[in-house]
């Protein structure tokens, strides 16, 4: 595969194969989106990227370029249903001499195509609609929307100037000219409003109020809601005037959190061994890592994060710290279960155990049993129906 023509021919074959697979797996459901997947050259949007190494030990990322792995393997990987990383720690990569990367946090990527097209299908667009995308990223999903709706109908906002510049070059090189902006996606883009659809490809702790103002009544907002401990899931909301309401999907596609909403660097004050009041815990720290109960823990303690460590050479304890209210809970093993020590304005473990108990009373349902209602004054996640048990999202 030497020439540019060979690459384009091979890429077209790989796109058709990818589209067939996505259709077979149930993600691609309409001919218009299938045509977009077959037409948009993903390799132009991720000419170089990183994959996670399979080597044991610390997580390491390896560069994948035509030069490092060969053109054929590079192209094959581009058109697999995988998420590929394109930036770490908010810093641009020196692609002249790319090195393996460890001890880094991915901050930009090209999301796996099955999730991209699943969200685009869920967006339920019709010809003539205009869409606001929050998080341009590589520009691949932006290009799919341009193919489906026309460039003039697509506005996309990216917070990182370098990421936006590369996406703009790839889009223009592929014949697409959407409205591209650099800025804080929470503010939307009022000059282009009203929008029929808004799609966010990064996670938010709550729905930014500007989105409600910029999406027309009857329009859709599709975004991942998430917290500092984990993702809550993909929510699809219908806008009605100055409020919106809808449901979570039954699985949990997770996106990187929007940079403006990232957790503070400091976890908060680690409590001393005698701080707080102790009681026997009804449940142990497994609540924080099991999928259903962890969803409830995120709702009940939206500003908290947790870690585990041995204390003074003793057994491993789990620390739950809320850096916003300076509340804490510490779970330590005992001969017959767990003890919890709590302090600060919020009793974190009380709130989590209560939320999990409510979830179990309702039959431990998956996330599709939960919905969210958003207005100017408050945002709540509810279970079963809007009058059921409710938990506020952080404002």
Protein backbone atom coordinates (compact mmCIF):
# COMPACT_ATOMS: atom_id res chain seq x y z
CA UNK A 1 0.00 0.00 0.00
CA UNK A 2 2.38 2.67 -1.21
CA UNK A 3 0.50 5.41 -2.99
CA UNK A 4 -2.15 7.88 -1.81
CA UNK A 5 -4.58 6.28 -4.29
CA UNK A 6 -4.00 2.87 -2.70
CA UNK A 7 -4.72 4.30 0.75
CA UNK A 8 -7.96 5.96 -0.39
CA UNK A 9 -9.13 2.76 -2.11
CA UNK A 10 -8.34 0.63 0.94
CA UNK A 11 -9.98 3.20 3.25
CA UNK A 12 -13.19 3.16 1.21
CA UNK A 13 -13.33 -0.64 1.51
CA UNK A 14 -12.71 -0.46 5.25
CA UNK A 15 -15.45 2.16 5.68
CA UNK A 16 -17.95 -0.09 3.93
CA UNK A 17 -16.89 -2.97 6.15
CA UNK A 18 -17.23 -0.82 9.27
CA UNK A 19 -20.70 0.35 8.18
CA UNK A 20 -21.82 -3.26 7.61
CA UNK A 21 -20.59 -4.21 11.08
CA UNK A 22 -22.27 -1.24 12.78
CA UNK A 23 -25.53 -2.05 11.00
CA UNK A 24 -25.30 -5.74 11.93
CA UNK A 25 -24.68 -4.82 15.58
CA UNK A 26 -27.78 -2.59 15.60
CA UNK A 27 -26.07 0.79 15.92
CA UNK A 28 -26.66 2.02 12.36
CA UNK A 29 -30.39 2.03 11.69
CA UNK A 30 -30.94 4.49 8.83
CA UNK A 31 -29.62 4.69 5.27
CA UNK A 32 -28.65 8.37 5.68
CA UNK A 33 -26.26 7.70 8.56
CA UNK A 34 -24.92 4.58 6.85
CA UNK A 35 -24.12 6.70 3.80
CA UNK A 36 -22.29 9.17 6.06
CA UNK A 37 -20.17 6.43 7.67
CA UNK A 38 -19.29 5.07 4.21
CA UNK A 39 -18.35 8.54 2.94
CA UNK A 40 -16.45 10.25 5.80
CA UNK A 41 -12.71 9.39 5.85
CA UNK A 42 -11.97 8.80 9.53
CA UNK A 43 -8.26 8.46 8.71
CA UNK A 44 -8.16 12.17 7.81
CA UNK A 45 -9.40 13.02 11.31
CA UNK A 46 -7.02 10.76 13.22
CA UNK A 47 -3.88 10.59 11.06
CA UNK A 48 -1.95 9.77 14.24
CA UNK A 49 -3.19 8.54 17.61
CA UNK A 50 -2.37 6.52 20.72
CA UNK A 51 -3.55 3.08 21.81
CA UNK A 52 -3.33 1.57 25.27
CA UNK A 53 -0.45 -0.86 25.67
CA UNK A 54 -1.28 -4.40 26.77
CA UNK A 55 1.90 -4.64 28.83
CA UNK A 56 1.29 -5.35 32.55
CA UNK A 57 1.93 -2.69 35.15
CA UNK A 58 1.38 1.04 34.86
CA UNK A 59 -1.00 2.17 32.08
CA UNK A 60 1.08 3.16 29.05
CA UNK A 61 -0.06 4.52 25.69
CA UNK A 62 1.77 3.74 22.44
CA UNK A 63 1.81 5.92 19.30
CA UNK A 64 0.13 4.56 16.18
CA UNK A 65 1.19 6.28 12.96
CA UNK A 66 1.89 5.10 9.40
CA UNK A 67 5.57 5.39 10.29
CA UNK A 68 5.50 3.47 13.60
CA UNK A 69 3.30 0.50 12.63
CA UNK A 70 3.15 0.67 8.82
CA UNK A 71 0.40 2.15 6.63
CA UNK A 72 -1.66 -1.04 6.44
CA UNK A 73 -1.93 -1.68 10.18
CA UNK A 74 -2.48 2.03 10.87
CA UNK A 75 -5.40 2.15 8.42
CA UNK A 76 -6.90 -1.08 9.74
CA UNK A 77 -6.85 0.32 13.26
CA UNK A 78 -8.42 3.63 12.19
CA UNK A 79 -11.47 1.74 10.90
CA UNK A 80 -11.95 -0.57 13.88
CA UNK A 81 -14.68 0.21 16.38
CA UNK A 82 -12.32 1.64 18.98
CA UNK A 83 -11.72 4.91 20.80
CA UNK A 84 -8.26 6.30 19.98
CA UNK A 85 -6.53 8.92 22.14
CA UNK A 86 -5.21 12.08 20.50
CA UNK A 87 -4.13 14.24 23.46
CA UNK A 88 -3.03 13.86 27.08
CA UNK A 89 -3.09 16.34 29.98
CA UNK A 90 -4.30 19.09 27.64
CA UNK A 91 -0.92 19.27 25.88
CA UNK A 92 -0.19 18.83 22.19
CA UNK A 93 1.91 15.83 21.17
CA UNK A 94 5.21 16.16 19.33
CA UNK A 95 4.33 13.95 16.37
CA UNK A 96 7.77 14.45 14.81
CA UNK A 97 9.10 12.00 17.38
CA UNK A 98 6.20 10.40 19.29
CA UNK A 99 7.08 8.43 22.42
CA UNK A 100 5.08 6.06 24.65
CA UNK A 101 3.19 8.00 27.33
CA UNK A 102 2.61 6.93 30.97
CA UNK A 103 1.17 8.66 34.05
CA UNK A 104 -1.07 10.82 31.86
CA UNK A 105 -4.79 11.56 31.62
CA UNK A 106 -6.37 11.45 28.12
CA UNK A 107 -7.98 14.81 27.32
CA UNK A 108 -9.06 14.37 23.70
CA UNK A 109 -9.96 11.37 21.58
CA UNK A 110 -11.83 10.01 18.60
CA UNK A 111 -14.74 8.12 20.14
CA UNK A 112 -15.53 4.59 19.00
CA UNK A 113 -17.75 4.80 15.90
CA UNK A 114 -20.52 2.61 17.36
CA UNK A 115 -21.11 5.16 20.14
CA UNK A 116 -20.86 8.08 17.71
CA UNK A 117 -23.48 6.66 15.34
CA UNK A 118 -25.66 5.39 18.18
CA UNK A 119 -25.86 8.97 19.52
CA UNK A 120 -26.46 10.41 16.05
CA UNK A 121 -29.30 7.94 15.49
CA UNK A 122 -30.74 8.84 18.93
CA UNK A 123 -30.59 12.52 17.95
CA UNK A 124 -33.46 11.79 15.57
CA UNK A 125 -32.62 14.52 13.04
CA UNK A 126 -34.68 15.35 9.98
CA UNK A 127 -33.65 17.16 6.81
CA UNK A 128 -33.40 20.92 7.32
CA UNK A 129 -32.67 20.79 11.04
CA UNK A 130 -29.74 22.66 12.58
CA UNK A 131 -27.53 21.11 15.25
CA UNK A 132 -25.21 22.50 17.93
CA UNK A 133 -22.40 20.12 18.88
CA UNK A 134 -20.51 20.60 22.14
CA UNK A 135 -17.01 19.10 21.83
CA UNK A 136 -15.66 19.04 18.27
CA UNK A 137 -12.79 16.72 19.23
CA UNK A 138 -11.25 15.13 16.14
CA UNK A 139 -14.09 16.49 13.98
CA UNK A 140 -15.20 13.01 12.83
CA UNK A 141 -18.72 13.21 14.28
CA UNK A 142 -18.98 16.81 13.03
CA UNK A 143 -18.19 15.56 9.51
CA UNK A 144 -20.85 12.83 9.75
CA UNK A 145 -23.43 15.49 10.65
CA UNK A 146 -22.25 17.75 7.83
CA UNK A 147 -22.69 14.87 5.38
CA UNK A 148 -26.19 14.16 6.71
CA UNK A 149 -27.51 17.74 7.13
CA UNK A 150 -25.18 20.01 5.16
CA UNK A 151 -22.34 22.05 6.63
CA UNK A 152 -24.47 25.17 6.98
CA UNK A 153 -26.71 23.31 9.47
CA UNK A 154 -23.91 22.29 11.86
CA UNK A 155 -22.28 24.44 14.56
CA UNK A 156 -19.56 22.89 16.74
CA UNK A 157 -17.74 24.27 19.80
CA UNK A 158 -14.36 23.03 21.08
CA UNK A 159 -12.67 24.31 24.22
CA UNK A 160 -9.08 23.47 23.18
CA UNK A 161 -7.63 25.78 20.52
CA UNK A 162 -5.11 23.23 19.17
CA UNK A 163 -7.71 20.46 18.98
CA UNK A 164 -10.11 22.84 17.22
CA UNK A 165 -7.45 23.89 14.71
CA UNK A 166 -6.66 20.28 13.74
CA UNK A 167 -10.35 19.40 13.45
CA UNK A 168 -10.94 22.46 11.25
CA UNK A 169 -8.14 21.44 8.88
CA UNK A 170 -9.46 17.88 8.63
CA UNK A 171 -13.03 19.07 8.04
CA UNK A 172 -12.03 21.56 5.34
CA UNK A 173 -9.77 18.95 3.73
CA UNK A 174 -12.76 16.61 3.56
CA UNK A 175 -14.96 19.24 1.95
CA UNK A 176 -16.96 20.29 5.02
CA UNK A 177 -17.36 23.85 6.26
CA UNK A 178 -19.45 23.86 9.48
CA UNK A 179 -19.49 26.82 11.86
CA UNK A 180 -16.52 26.08 14.15
CA UNK A 181 -15.98 27.96 17.41
CA UNK A 182 -13.44 27.86 20.23
CA UNK A 183 -14.94 28.44 23.65
CA UNK A 184 -16.74 27.13 26.71
CA UNK A 185 -19.46 24.74 25.54
CA UNK A 186 -21.58 25.54 28.58
CA UNK A 187 -22.36 28.94 27.02
CA UNK A 188 -23.51 27.40 23.74
CA UNK A 189 -23.63 29.80 20.79
CA UNK A 190 -26.57 32.21 21.08
CA UNK A 191 -25.88 33.84 17.70
CA UNK A 192 -26.87 30.61 15.93
CA UNK A 193 -29.94 29.86 18.05
CA UNK A 194 -32.53 28.50 18.04
CA UNK A 195 -31.24 24.97 17.43
CA UNK A 196 -33.35 21.92 16.69
CA UNK A 197 -30.86 19.58 18.32
CA UNK A 198 -27.94 19.83 20.76
CA UNK A 199 -25.46 16.98 21.18
CA UNK A 200 -22.58 16.95 23.68
CA UNK A 201 -19.63 14.59 23.27
CA UNK A 202 -18.17 15.33 26.70
CA UNK A 203 -19.70 14.80 30.12
CA UNK A 204 -21.44 17.49 32.21
CA UNK A 205 -22.36 17.54 35.89
CA UNK A 206 -25.68 19.20 35.06
CA UNK A 207 -27.39 20.82 32.07
CA UNK A 208 -26.02 24.34 31.40
CA UNK A 209 -28.92 26.85 31.53
CA UNK A 210 -27.83 28.44 28.22
CA UNK A 211 -28.69 25.19 26.43
CA UNK A 212 -32.32 25.46 27.51
CA UNK A 213 -32.49 28.97 26.03
CA UNK A 214 -30.85 27.99 22.74
CA UNK A 215 -32.81 24.82 21.86
CA UNK A 216 -36.28 25.43 20.49
CA UNK A 217 -39.36 24.05 22.29
CA UNK A 218 -39.80 20.47 21.11
CA UNK A 219 -36.09 20.20 20.36
CA UNK A 220 -33.74 17.60 21.83
CA UNK A 221 -30.69 17.75 24.09
CA UNK A 222 -28.52 14.61 24.08
CA UNK A 223 -25.67 14.58 26.59
CA UNK A 224 -23.82 12.44 29.09
CA UNK A 225 -24.37 13.48 32.68
CA UNK A 226 -21.54 12.52 35.00
CA UNK A 227 -19.94 13.28 38.32
CA UNK A 228 -16.47 13.23 39.79
CA UNK A 229 -16.71 9.55 40.77
CA UNK A 230 -18.31 8.14 37.64
CA UNK A 231 -20.63 8.70 34.69
CA UNK A 232 -24.37 8.69 35.31
CA UNK A 233 -25.18 7.96 31.67
CA UNK A 234 -26.58 9.28 28.44
CA UNK A 235 -29.66 11.46 28.88
CA UNK A 236 -32.08 12.46 26.11
CA UNK A 237 -34.18 15.48 27.04
CA UNK A 238 -37.07 17.17 25.24
CA UNK A 239 -37.15 20.94 25.70
CA UNK A 240 -40.47 22.54 26.65
CA UNK A 241 -40.12 26.30 27.02
CA UNK A 242 -37.65 27.07 29.81
CA UNK A 243 -37.46 23.48 31.08
CA UNK A 244 -36.54 20.05 29.74
CA UNK A 245 -37.23 16.49 30.77
CA UNK A 246 -36.30 13.01 29.62
CA UNK A 247 -34.76 9.64 30.39
CA UNK A 248 -31.38 7.99 30.71
CA UNK A 249 -30.44 5.20 28.32
CA UNK A 250 -30.12 1.70 29.76
CA UNK A 251 -26.35 1.51 29.42
CA UNK A 252 -23.60 3.90 30.45
CA UNK A 253 -21.48 5.28 27.61
CA UNK A 254 -18.86 7.36 29.36
CA UNK A 255 -17.23 10.50 28.00
CA UNK A 256 -14.42 12.61 29.39
CA UNK A 257 -15.81 15.34 31.62
CA UNK A 258 -15.89 18.86 30.16
CA UNK A 259 -12.68 20.60 31.25
CA UNK A 260 -14.55 23.47 32.90
CA UNK A 261 -16.32 20.92 35.12
CA UNK A 262 -13.35 18.83 36.15
CA UNK A 263 -12.85 18.09 39.84
CA UNK A 264 -10.62 20.33 41.96
CA UNK A 265 -7.05 19.05 42.20
CA UNK A 266 -7.31 18.77 45.97
CA UNK A 267 -9.47 15.91 47.19
CA UNK A 268 -10.08 17.82 50.42
CA UNK A 269 -8.75 17.41 53.95
CA UNK A 270 -7.98 13.83 54.96
CA UNK A 271 -9.56 13.40 58.41
CA UNK A 272 -7.52 12.43 61.43
CA UNK A 273 -8.07 9.08 63.21
CA UNK A 274 -10.34 10.61 65.85
CA UNK A 275 -12.34 12.99 63.65
CA UNK A 276 -16.09 12.50 63.16
CA UNK A 277 -18.58 10.12 64.73
CA UNK A 278 -18.52 6.36 64.16
CA UNK A 279 -21.23 3.77 63.66
CA UNK A 280 -21.50 0.28 62.23
CA UNK A 281 -21.94 0.57 58.46
CA UNK A 282 -24.88 -1.29 56.94
CA UNK A 283 -22.95 -1.65 53.68
CA UNK A 284 -19.27 -1.64 52.76
CA UNK A 285 -17.25 0.28 50.17
CA UNK A 286 -18.27 -2.14 47.38
CA UNK A 287 -21.25 0.22 46.94
CA UNK A 288 -18.85 2.67 45.29
CA UNK A 289 -17.69 0.30 42.55
CA UNK A 290 -20.66 -1.98 41.73
CA UNK A 291 -22.45 -0.51 38.70
CA UNK A 292 -25.99 0.05 40.03
CA UNK A 293 -25.09 1.12 43.56
CA UNK A 294 -22.24 3.32 42.27
CA UNK A 295 -24.80 5.21 40.15
CA UNK A 296 -26.78 5.83 43.35
CA UNK A 297 -23.64 6.84 45.27
CA UNK A 298 -22.85 9.43 42.59
CA UNK A 299 -26.36 10.86 42.88
CA UNK A 300 -26.28 10.91 46.68
CA UNK A 301 -22.78 12.43 47.03
CA UNK A 302 -22.32 14.54 43.89
CA UNK A 303 -19.25 16.45 45.13
CA UNK A 304 -17.35 13.49 46.60
CA UNK A 305 -14.43 11.33 45.48
CA UNK A 306 -12.94 8.24 47.07
CA UNK A 307 -9.70 6.33 47.42
CA UNK A 308 -8.44 3.43 49.54
CA UNK A 309 -5.23 3.14 51.51
CA UNK A 310 -3.77 1.38 54.52
CA UNK A 311 -3.69 3.52 57.65
CA UNK A 312 -0.62 3.34 59.90
CA UNK A 313 0.28 -0.12 58.66
CA UNK A 314 -3.21 -1.41 59.47
CA UNK A 315 -5.96 -2.68 57.16
CA UNK A 316 -7.03 -0.83 54.02
CA UNK A 317 -9.69 1.84 54.66
CA UNK A 318 -11.80 3.67 52.09
CA UNK A 319 -11.92 7.48 52.30
CA UNK A 320 -14.84 9.39 50.78
CA UNK A 321 -14.07 13.11 50.68
CA UNK A 322 -16.33 16.01 49.66
CA UNK A 323 -14.06 18.95 48.76
CA UNK A 324 -17.02 21.33 48.34
CA UNK A 325 -18.51 20.93 51.85
CA UNK A 326 -15.43 19.44 53.59
CA UNK A 327 -17.53 16.42 54.60
CA UNK A 328 -15.98 12.99 54.88
CA UNK A 329 -16.71 9.31 55.50
CA UNK A 330 -14.07 6.71 56.31
CA UNK A 331 -14.90 3.00 56.06
CA UNK A 332 -12.69 0.61 58.01
CA UNK A 333 -13.06 -3.18 58.18
CA UNK A 334 -14.07 -4.78 61.49
CA UNK A 335 -14.35 -8.40 62.59
CA UNK A 336 -18.00 -8.53 61.51
CA UNK A 337 -18.24 -6.01 58.64
CA UNK A 338 -17.45 -2.31 58.39
CA UNK A 339 -17.34 0.74 60.59
CA UNK A 340 -17.96 4.19 59.12
CA UNK A 341 -16.70 7.44 60.60
CA UNK A 342 -18.41 10.62 59.29
CA UNK A 343 -17.93 14.34 59.77
CA UNK A 344 -18.71 17.70 58.19
CA UNK A 345 -22.01 19.30 57.14
CA UNK A 346 -23.13 16.22 55.11
CA UNK A 347 -23.33 12.66 56.37
CA UNK A 348 -22.05 11.17 53.13
CA UNK A 349 -22.40 7.50 53.96
CA UNK A 350 -25.89 8.00 55.44
CA UNK A 351 -26.94 9.61 52.16
CA UNK A 352 -25.40 6.84 50.04
CA UNK A 353 -26.86 3.98 52.08
CA UNK A 354 -30.28 5.65 51.97
CA UNK A 355 -30.12 6.12 48.19
CA UNK A 356 -29.04 2.52 47.61
CA UNK A 357 -31.83 1.24 49.90
CA UNK A 358 -34.39 3.24 47.88
CA UNK A 359 -32.99 1.82 44.62
CA UNK A 360 -33.27 -1.73 46.02
CA UNK A 361 -36.87 -1.11 47.16
CA UNK A 362 -37.66 -0.31 43.51
CA UNK A 363 -36.14 -3.62 42.39
CA UNK A 364 -32.54 -2.46 41.67
CA UNK A 365 -33.44 -1.25 38.14
CA UNK A 366 -30.92 -0.22 35.48
CA UNK A 367 -30.41 3.41 34.48
CA UNK A 368 -33.32 3.36 31.99
CA UNK A 369 -35.66 3.59 35.03
CA UNK A 370 -34.26 7.04 35.82
CA UNK A 371 -35.13 10.38 34.29
CA UNK A 372 -34.04 13.96 34.68
CA UNK A 373 -35.97 17.23 34.83
CA UNK A 374 -34.20 20.55 34.34
CA UNK A 375 -35.46 24.09 34.90
CA UNK A 376 -33.85 27.43 35.66
CA UNK A 377 -34.29 26.86 39.39
CA UNK A 378 -33.39 23.22 39.89
CA UNK A 379 -32.21 20.03 38.23
CA UNK A 380 -33.19 16.64 39.60
CA UNK A 381 -32.74 12.99 38.70
CA UNK A 382 -35.82 10.92 39.56
CA UNK A 383 -36.62 7.23 39.77
CA UNK A 384 -39.70 5.80 38.07
CA UNK A 385 -41.50 9.09 37.35
CA UNK A 386 -41.01 12.82 38.09
CA UNK A 387 -42.91 12.44 41.37
CA UNK A 388 -40.79 9.50 42.52
CA UNK A 389 -37.64 9.62 44.66
CA UNK A 390 -35.45 12.55 43.60
CA UNK A 391 -31.82 13.61 43.90
CA UNK A 392 -30.58 17.09 42.93
CA UNK A 393 -27.79 17.56 40.41
CA UNK A 394 -25.04 20.03 41.37
CA UNK A 395 -25.83 23.54 40.21
